[in-house]
Amino acid sequence: MGRIFEVRKASMFARYDKMAKQFSRIGKEINIAVKAGGPDPDNNPALRRAMQNAKGVNMPKDRVEAAIKRAMGKDTSNYEEILYEGYAPHGVAVLIETATDNPVRTVAKVRAVFNKCNGSLGTSNSVSFQFNKMGVFKMNPEGLDTDELELELIDHGLEEMGEGTDDNDEEVLVIRVPFAEFGNMQKALEDKGIEVKSSELEWIPMNMVNLESDQEEEVLKLIAKMEEEEDVQKVFHNLS
């Protein structure tokens, strides 16, 4: 009985850690969006997107409103978005998106993770050429005629449509568009009244790397350590 309790307790703490990381990431997105385009989501697409994403991870409305209010304050940190590139063990390409108020601290922590996990921090454009930057929209497929929707969205930049899962492991409809078409697709979905659970700009690998299970574990260890860093927003890689 005691063992079952410990397992459940560990699972609960893991969920809380994941939720705290999600809320922190969204909070920084809100901060950056408000400082760049103001606190009115109707006139600020980036803030509108951040608020959508907050809803997608069940971030309470009062916390979203508090984050917007804090971002309007003069004493609030100014976050800078920086992309770091490098290689995990066995040649796996890694991109790390960060939001930081102290780039010197952040690059030191990113480099330390690479070094500890037998990877290497690269220079700008040393890895990103292996990825396509795309807009990724996730929505509840219930009630949607996907065949009809696919035809309607082709004129708005649709490149791929398929099934997937969200951050809560729930089944979703996934739409991908080229980076340049992100705004067009966001507006098209809003005009059609389709509720989007999340909308992100993601780095999609053009080619995947297949490894043996023990090699794969080494790479996943680096990715997990990187995701634990406070300044890290997202980690992308080309591990199959």
C-alpha atoms as a PDB file:
ATOM      1  CA  MET A   1       0.000   0.000   0.000  1.00  0.00           C
ATOM      2  CA  GLY A   2       2.852   2.336   0.889  1.00  0.00           C
ATOM      3  CA  ARG A   3       4.502   1.711  -2.486  1.00  0.00           C
ATOM      4  CA  ILE A   4       1.269   2.600  -4.333  1.00  0.00           C
ATOM      5  CA  PHE A   5       1.004   5.822  -2.324  1.00  0.00           C
ATOM      6  CA  GLU A   6       4.584   6.789  -3.193  1.00  0.00           C
ATOM      7  CA  VAL A   7       3.963   6.162  -6.906  1.00  0.00           C
ATOM      8  CA  ARG A   8       0.787   8.242  -6.837  1.00  0.00           C
ATOM      9  CA  LYS A   9       2.577  11.007  -4.932  1.00  0.00           C
ATOM     10  CA  ALA A  10       5.412  11.055  -7.472  1.00  0.00           C
ATOM     11  CA  SER A  11       2.894  11.180 -10.321  1.00  0.00           C
ATOM     12  CA  MET A  12       1.073  14.079  -8.677  1.00  0.00           C
ATOM     13  CA  PHE A  13       4.293  16.071  -8.229  1.00  0.00           C
ATOM     14  CA  ALA A  14       5.233  15.378 -11.863  1.00  0.00           C
ATOM     15  CA  ARG A  15       1.866  16.808 -12.995  1.00  0.00           C
ATOM     16  CA  TYR A  16       2.353  19.878 -10.803  1.00  0.00           C
ATOM     17  CA  ASP A  17       5.874  20.412 -12.179  1.00  0.00           C
ATOM     18  CA  LYS A  18       4.582  20.136 -15.747  1.00  0.00           C
ATOM     19  CA  MET A  19       1.745  22.558 -15.029  1.00  0.00           C
ATOM     20  CA  ALA A  20       4.093  25.053 -13.348  1.00  0.00           C
ATOM     21  CA  LYS A  21       6.415  24.933 -16.374  1.00  0.00           C
ATOM     22  CA  GLN A  22       3.492  25.450 -18.759  1.00  0.00           C
ATOM     23  CA  PHE A  23       2.181  28.430 -16.765  1.00  0.00           C
ATOM     24  CA  SER A  24       5.663  29.977 -16.616  1.00  0.00           C
ATOM     25  CA  ARG A  25       6.105  29.588 -20.379  1.00  0.00           C
ATOM     26  CA  ILE A  26       2.714  31.138 -21.131  1.00  0.00           C
ATOM     27  CA  GLY A  27       3.387  33.955 -18.653  1.00  0.00           C
ATOM     28  CA  LYS A  28       6.530  34.904 -20.557  1.00  0.00           C
ATOM     29  CA  GLU A  29       4.659  34.717 -23.870  1.00  0.00           C
ATOM     30  CA  ILE A  30       2.068  37.116 -22.466  1.00  0.00           C
ATOM     31  CA  ASN A  31       4.787  39.453 -21.174  1.00  0.00           C
ATOM     32  CA  ILE A  32       6.540  39.613 -24.552  1.00  0.00           C
ATOM     33  CA  ALA A  33       3.258  40.044 -26.456  1.00  0.00           C
ATOM     34  CA  VAL A  34       1.958  42.848 -24.212  1.00  0.00           C
ATOM     35  CA  LYS A  35       5.222  44.789 -24.268  1.00  0.00           C
ATOM     36  CA  ALA A  36       5.366  44.511 -28.060  1.00  0.00           C
ATOM     37  CA  GLY A  37       1.728  45.160 -28.946  1.00  0.00           C
ATOM     38  CA  GLY A  38      -0.232  46.366 -25.924  1.00  0.00           C
ATOM     39  CA  PRO A  39      -2.750  44.734 -23.552  1.00  0.00           C
ATOM     40  CA  ASP A  40      -5.768  44.592 -25.888  1.00  0.00           C
ATOM     41  CA  PRO A  41      -6.043  41.100 -27.452  1.00  0.00           C
ATOM     42  CA  ASP A  42      -8.410  42.391 -30.134  1.00  0.00           C
ATOM     43  CA  ASN A  43      -5.566  44.502 -31.537  1.00  0.00           C
ATOM     44  CA  ASN A  44      -2.703  42.201 -30.582  1.00  0.00           C
ATOM     45  CA  PRO A  45      -2.627  38.825 -32.412  1.00  0.00           C
ATOM     46  CA  ALA A  46       0.382  37.637 -30.412  1.00  0.00           C
ATOM     47  CA  LEU A  47      -1.430  38.246 -27.127  1.00  0.00           C
ATOM     48  CA  ARG A  48      -4.540  36.576 -28.511  1.00  0.00           C
ATOM     49  CA  ARG A  49      -2.441  33.538 -29.354  1.00  0.00           C
ATOM     50  CA  ALA A  50      -0.841  33.477 -25.896  1.00  0.00           C
ATOM     51  CA  MET A  51      -4.280  33.641 -24.270  1.00  0.00           C
ATOM     52  CA  GLN A  52      -5.461  30.752 -26.466  1.00  0.00           C
ATOM     53  CA  ASN A  53      -2.479  28.724 -25.344  1.00  0.00           C
ATOM     54  CA  ALA A  54      -3.182  29.604 -21.714  1.00  0.00           C
ATOM     55  CA  LYS A  55      -6.667  28.215 -22.078  1.00  0.00           C
ATOM     56  CA  GLY A  56      -5.261  25.098 -23.727  1.00  0.00           C
ATOM     57  CA  VAL A  57      -3.186  24.252 -20.630  1.00  0.00           C
ATOM     58  CA  ASN A  58      -6.023  25.192 -18.239  1.00  0.00           C
ATOM     59  CA  MET A  59      -4.255  28.286 -16.906  1.00  0.00           C
ATOM     60  CA  PRO A  60      -6.811  30.110 -14.691  1.00  0.00           C
ATOM     61  CA  LYS A  61      -8.293  33.289 -16.137  1.00  0.00           C
ATOM     62  CA  ASP A  62      -7.233  35.346 -13.117  1.00  0.00           C
ATOM     63  CA  ARG A  63      -3.622  34.296 -13.621  1.00  0.00           C
ATOM     64  CA  VAL A  64      -3.786  35.323 -17.276  1.00  0.00           C
ATOM     65  CA  GLU A  65      -5.229  38.714 -16.330  1.00  0.00           C
ATOM     66  CA  ALA A  66      -2.559  39.139 -13.641  1.00  0.00           C
ATOM     67  CA  ALA A  67       0.183  38.342 -16.166  1.00  0.00           C
ATOM     68  CA  ILE A  68      -1.179  40.985 -18.549  1.00  0.00           C
ATOM     69  CA  LYS A  69      -1.333  43.535 -15.744  1.00  0.00           C
ATOM     70  CA  ARG A  70       2.226  42.742 -14.629  1.00  0.00           C
ATOM     71  CA  ALA A  71       3.516  43.098 -18.179  1.00  0.00           C
ATOM     72  CA  MET A  72       2.154  46.662 -18.256  1.00  0.00           C
ATOM     73  CA  GLY A  73       4.172  47.620 -15.178  1.00  0.00           C
ATOM     74  CA  LYS A  74       7.368  49.614 -15.515  1.00  0.00           C
ATOM     75  CA  ASP A  75       9.325  47.363 -13.162  1.00  0.00           C
ATOM     76  CA  THR A  76       8.515  44.127 -14.976  1.00  0.00           C
ATOM     77  CA  SER A  77      11.358  42.165 -16.555  1.00  0.00           C
ATOM     78  CA  ASN A  78      11.882  42.602 -20.262  1.00  0.00           C
ATOM     79  CA  TYR A  79      12.260  39.153 -21.789  1.00  0.00           C
ATOM     80  CA  GLU A  80      14.317  38.604 -24.906  1.00  0.00           C
ATOM     81  CA  GLU A  81      13.647  35.612 -27.151  1.00  0.00           C
ATOM     82  CA  ILE A  82      16.871  33.830 -28.122  1.00  0.00           C
ATOM     83  CA  LEU A  83      17.303  30.632 -30.147  1.00  0.00           C
ATOM     84  CA  TYR A  84      20.240  28.375 -29.287  1.00  0.00           C
ATOM     85  CA  GLU A  85      21.463  25.590 -31.538  1.00  0.00           C
ATOM     86  CA  GLY A  86      23.556  22.530 -30.932  1.00  0.00           C
ATOM     87  CA  TYR A  87      23.967  18.792 -31.095  1.00  0.00           C
ATOM     88  CA  ALA A  88      22.988  16.109 -28.628  1.00  0.00           C
ATOM     89  CA  PRO A  89      25.004  12.867 -28.568  1.00  0.00           C
ATOM     90  CA  HIS A  90      25.085  10.790 -31.775  1.00  0.00           C
ATOM     91  CA  GLY A  91      24.539  13.758 -34.084  1.00  0.00           C
ATOM     92  CA  VAL A  92      20.967  14.634 -33.083  1.00  0.00           C
ATOM     93  CA  ALA A  93      20.227  18.277 -33.922  1.00  0.00           C
ATOM     94  CA  VAL A  94      18.681  20.360 -31.122  1.00  0.00           C
ATOM     95  CA  LEU A  95      17.076  23.813 -31.125  1.00  0.00           C
ATOM     96  CA  ILE A  96      16.327  25.565 -27.837  1.00  0.00           C
ATOM     97  CA  GLU A  97      13.921  28.497 -27.690  1.00  0.00           C
ATOM     98  CA  THR A  98      14.433  30.680 -24.626  1.00  0.00           C
ATOM     99  CA  ALA A  99      12.859  33.776 -23.110  1.00  0.00           C
ATOM    100  CA  THR A 100      15.318  35.499 -20.814  1.00  0.00           C
ATOM    101  CA  ASP A 101      16.013  38.725 -18.968  1.00  0.00           C
ATOM    102  CA  ASN A 102      19.684  37.737 -18.645  1.00  0.00           C
ATOM    103  CA  PRO A 103      21.234  36.256 -21.822  1.00  0.00           C
ATOM    104  CA  VAL A 104      24.628  35.764 -20.161  1.00  0.00           C
ATOM    105  CA  ARG A 105      23.056  33.533 -17.505  1.00  0.00           C
ATOM    106  CA  THR A 106      20.964  31.662 -20.048  1.00  0.00           C
ATOM    107  CA  VAL A 107      23.734  30.807 -22.493  1.00  0.00           C
ATOM    108  CA  ALA A 108      25.892  29.589 -19.593  1.00  0.00           C
ATOM    109  CA  LYS A 109      23.125  27.239 -18.419  1.00  0.00           C
ATOM    110  CA  VAL A 110      22.381  25.975 -21.922  1.00  0.00           C
ATOM    111  CA  ARG A 111      26.083  25.310 -22.535  1.00  0.00           C
ATOM    112  CA  ALA A 112      26.382  23.522 -19.182  1.00  0.00           C
ATOM    113  CA  VAL A 113      23.562  21.118 -20.077  1.00  0.00           C
ATOM    114  CA  PHE A 114      25.170  20.336 -23.429  1.00  0.00           C
ATOM    115  CA  ASN A 115      28.539  19.722 -21.777  1.00  0.00           C
ATOM    116  CA  LYS A 116      27.167  17.527 -18.980  1.00  0.00           C
ATOM    117  CA  CYS A 117      25.193  15.378 -21.428  1.00  0.00           C
ATOM    118  CA  ASN A 118      27.967  14.903 -24.033  1.00  0.00           C
ATOM    119  CA  GLY A 119      26.476  17.367 -26.476  1.00  0.00           C
ATOM    120  CA  SER A 120      27.829  20.592 -27.944  1.00  0.00           C
ATOM    121  CA  LEU A 121      26.498  24.130 -28.239  1.00  0.00           C
ATOM    122  CA  GLY A 122      26.730  25.378 -31.806  1.00  0.00           C
ATOM    123  CA  THR A 123      26.733  28.771 -33.469  1.00  0.00           C
ATOM    124  CA  SER A 124      23.846  30.588 -35.140  1.00  0.00           C
ATOM    125  CA  ASN A 125      22.510  28.712 -38.197  1.00  0.00           C
ATOM    126  CA  SER A 126      24.666  25.657 -37.466  1.00  0.00           C
ATOM    127  CA  VAL A 127      21.567  23.501 -36.902  1.00  0.00           C
ATOM    128  CA  SER A 128      18.445  25.456 -37.840  1.00  0.00           C
ATOM    129  CA  PHE A 129      18.943  24.807 -41.580  1.00  0.00           C
ATOM    130  CA  GLN A 130      17.831  21.231 -40.869  1.00  0.00           C
ATOM    131  CA  PHE A 131      14.393  22.441 -39.748  1.00  0.00           C
ATOM    132  CA  ASN A 132      11.431  24.292 -41.226  1.00  0.00           C
ATOM    133  CA  LYS A 133       9.790  26.931 -39.050  1.00  0.00           C
ATOM    134  CA  MET A 134       6.040  26.381 -39.254  1.00  0.00           C
ATOM    135  CA  GLY A 135       2.821  27.507 -37.650  1.00  0.00           C
ATOM    136  CA  VAL A 136       1.091  24.650 -35.825  1.00  0.00           C
ATOM    137  CA  PHE A 137      -2.559  24.881 -34.779  1.00  0.00           C
ATOM    138  CA  LYS A 138      -4.266  22.287 -32.588  1.00  0.00           C
ATOM    139  CA  MET A 139      -8.036  22.056 -32.145  1.00  0.00           C
ATOM    140  CA  ASN A 140     -10.739  19.726 -30.938  1.00  0.00           C
ATOM    141  CA  PRO A 141     -11.791  17.628 -33.968  1.00  0.00           C
ATOM    142  CA  GLU A 142     -15.293  17.019 -32.597  1.00  0.00           C
ATOM    143  CA  GLY A 143     -17.965  18.424 -34.929  1.00  0.00           C
ATOM    144  CA  LEU A 144     -15.507  19.328 -37.686  1.00  0.00           C
ATOM    145  CA  ASP A 145     -15.798  17.992 -41.232  1.00  0.00           C
ATOM    146  CA  THR A 146     -12.076  17.582 -41.810  1.00  0.00           C
ATOM    147  CA  ASP A 147     -12.359  16.932 -45.556  1.00  0.00           C
ATOM    148  CA  GLU A 148     -14.363  20.104 -46.115  1.00  0.00           C
ATOM    149  CA  LEU A 149     -12.189  22.098 -43.728  1.00  0.00           C
ATOM    150  CA  GLU A 150      -9.041  20.990 -45.521  1.00  0.00           C
ATOM    151  CA  LEU A 151     -10.369  22.281 -48.846  1.00  0.00           C
ATOM    152  CA  GLU A 152     -11.421  25.591 -47.286  1.00  0.00           C
ATOM    153  CA  LEU A 153      -8.057  26.193 -45.626  1.00  0.00           C
ATOM    154  CA  ILE A 154      -5.810  25.486 -48.615  1.00  0.00           C
ATOM    155  CA  ASP A 155      -6.256  29.114 -49.742  1.00  0.00           C
ATOM    156  CA  HIS A 156      -5.056  30.265 -46.301  1.00  0.00           C
ATOM    157  CA  GLY A 157      -1.716  28.475 -46.425  1.00  0.00           C
ATOM    158  CA  LEU A 158      -2.594  24.965 -45.237  1.00  0.00           C
ATOM    159  CA  GLU A 159       0.304  22.593 -45.855  1.00  0.00           C
ATOM    160  CA  GLU A 160      -0.540  19.608 -43.636  1.00  0.00           C
ATOM    161  CA  MET A 161      -3.534  18.370 -41.659  1.00  0.00           C
ATOM    162  CA  GLY A 162      -3.622  15.295 -39.443  1.00  0.00           C
ATOM    163  CA  GLU A 163      -4.236  13.792 -36.019  1.00  0.00           C
ATOM    164  CA  GLY A 164      -2.102  14.400 -32.961  1.00  0.00           C
ATOM    165  CA  THR A 165      -2.129  15.085 -29.228  1.00  0.00           C
ATOM    166  CA  ASP A 166      -1.898  18.264 -27.145  1.00  0.00           C
ATOM    167  CA  ASP A 167       0.098  18.994 -23.973  1.00  0.00           C
ATOM    168  CA  ASN A 168      -2.519  17.111 -21.958  1.00  0.00           C
ATOM    169  CA  ASP A 169      -2.255  14.033 -24.234  1.00  0.00           C
ATOM    170  CA  GLU A 170      -5.753  14.601 -25.611  1.00  0.00           C
ATOM    171  CA  GLU A 171      -6.502  13.854 -29.266  1.00  0.00           C
ATOM    172  CA  VAL A 172      -6.533  16.945 -31.465  1.00  0.00           C
ATOM    173  CA  LEU A 173      -6.663  17.955 -35.104  1.00  0.00           C
ATOM    174  CA  VAL A 174      -3.277  19.383 -36.122  1.00  0.00           C
ATOM    175  CA  ILE A 175      -2.844  21.949 -38.896  1.00  0.00           C
ATOM    176  CA  ARG A 176       0.554  23.101 -40.153  1.00  0.00           C
ATOM    177  CA  VAL A 177       1.313  26.130 -42.300  1.00  0.00           C
ATOM    178  CA  PRO A 178       4.544  27.811 -43.463  1.00  0.00           C
ATOM    179  CA  PHE A 179       5.848  30.470 -41.071  1.00  0.00           C
ATOM    180  CA  ALA A 180       4.838  33.283 -43.448  1.00  0.00           C
ATOM    181  CA  GLU A 181       1.206  32.078 -43.492  1.00  0.00           C
ATOM    182  CA  PHE A 182       0.731  31.922 -39.712  1.00  0.00           C
ATOM    183  CA  GLY A 183      -1.258  35.161 -39.477  1.00  0.00           C
ATOM    184  CA  ASN A 184      -3.455  34.250 -42.443  1.00  0.00           C
ATOM    185  CA  MET A 185      -4.390  30.898 -40.913  1.00  0.00           C
ATOM    186  CA  GLN A 186      -4.984  32.406 -37.478  1.00  0.00           C
ATOM    187  CA  LYS A 187      -7.423  34.916 -38.965  1.00  0.00           C
ATOM    188  CA  ALA A 188      -9.134  32.269 -41.135  1.00  0.00           C
ATOM    189  CA  LEU A 189      -9.808  30.020 -38.139  1.00  0.00           C
ATOM    190  CA  GLU A 190     -11.074  32.962 -36.089  1.00  0.00           C
ATOM    191  CA  ASP A 191     -13.382  34.051 -38.939  1.00  0.00           C
ATOM    192  CA  LYS A 192     -14.785  30.518 -39.161  1.00  0.00           C
ATOM    193  CA  GLY A 193     -15.445  30.472 -35.411  1.00  0.00           C
ATOM    194  CA  ILE A 194     -13.213  27.440 -34.872  1.00  0.00           C
ATOM    195  CA  GLU A 195     -11.877  27.279 -31.321  1.00  0.00           C
ATOM    196  CA  VAL A 196      -8.132  26.671 -31.320  1.00  0.00           C
ATOM    197  CA  LYS A 197      -6.642  24.910 -28.294  1.00  0.00           C
ATOM    198  CA  SER A 198      -3.113  26.080 -29.081  1.00  0.00           C
ATOM    199  CA  SER A 199      -1.242  27.855 -31.854  1.00  0.00           C
ATOM    200  CA  GLU A 200       2.531  27.818 -31.892  1.00  0.00           C
ATOM    201  CA  LEU A 201       5.498  28.499 -34.120  1.00  0.00           C
ATOM    202  CA  GLU A 202       7.480  25.271 -34.155  1.00  0.00           C
ATOM    203  CA  TRP A 203      10.665  23.978 -35.759  1.00  0.00           C
ATOM    204  CA  ILE A 204       9.832  20.856 -37.770  1.00  0.00           C
ATOM    205  CA  PRO A 205      12.813  18.635 -38.721  1.00  0.00           C
ATOM    206  CA  MET A 206      13.248  17.854 -42.407  1.00  0.00           C
ATOM    207  CA  ASN A 207      14.992  14.536 -41.681  1.00  0.00           C
ATOM    208  CA  MET A 208      14.858  12.292 -38.628  1.00  0.00           C
ATOM    209  CA  VAL A 209      17.659  10.384 -36.892  1.00  0.00           C
ATOM    210  CA  ASN A 210      17.105   6.765 -35.817  1.00  0.00           C
ATOM    211  CA  LEU A 211      19.133   5.431 -32.882  1.00  0.00           C
ATOM    212  CA  GLU A 212      19.464   2.309 -30.786  1.00  0.00           C
ATOM    213  CA  SER A 213      17.551   2.411 -27.486  1.00  0.00           C
ATOM    214  CA  ASP A 214      20.609   3.060 -25.303  1.00  0.00           C
ATOM    215  CA  GLN A 215      21.755   5.900 -27.576  1.00  0.00           C
ATOM    216  CA  GLU A 216      18.221   7.289 -27.620  1.00  0.00           C
ATOM    217  CA  GLU A 217      18.218   7.405 -23.809  1.00  0.00           C
ATOM    218  CA  GLU A 218      21.340   9.588 -23.860  1.00  0.00           C
ATOM    219  CA  VAL A 219      19.653  12.073 -26.169  1.00  0.00           C
ATOM    220  CA  LEU A 220      16.399  12.102 -24.199  1.00  0.00           C
ATOM    221  CA  LYS A 221      18.374  12.773 -21.019  1.00  0.00           C
ATOM    222  CA  LEU A 222      19.845  15.926 -22.564  1.00  0.00           C
ATOM    223  CA  ILE A 223      16.435  17.063 -23.814  1.00  0.00           C
ATOM    224  CA  ALA A 224      14.824  16.492 -20.394  1.00  0.00           C
ATOM    225  CA  LYS A 225      17.610  18.398 -18.616  1.00  0.00           C
ATOM    226  CA  MET A 226      17.298  21.267 -21.076  1.00  0.00           C
ATOM    227  CA  GLU A 227      13.529  21.485 -20.622  1.00  0.00           C
ATOM    228  CA  GLU A 228      14.020  21.783 -16.851  1.00  0.00           C
ATOM    229  CA  GLU A 229      15.932  25.053 -17.226  1.00  0.00           C
ATOM    230  CA  GLU A 230      13.879  28.065 -16.162  1.00  0.00           C
ATOM    231  CA  ASP A 231      14.707  30.200 -19.208  1.00  0.00           C
ATOM    232  CA  VAL A 232      13.925  27.456 -21.720  1.00  0.00           C
ATOM    233  CA  GLN A 233      10.555  27.731 -23.437  1.00  0.00           C
ATOM    234  CA  LYS A 234      10.681  24.823 -25.901  1.00  0.00           C
ATOM    235  CA  VAL A 235      13.139  22.251 -27.193  1.00  0.00           C
ATOM    236  CA  PHE A 236      13.008  20.840 -30.731  1.00  0.00           C
ATOM    237  CA  HIS A 237      15.060  17.959 -32.125  1.00  0.00           C
ATOM    238  CA  ASN A 238      15.252  15.514 -35.011  1.00  0.00           C
ATOM    239  CA  LEU A 239      15.335  12.276 -32.996  1.00  0.00           C
ATOM    240  CA  SER A 240      12.879   9.833 -34.532  1.00  0.00           C
END
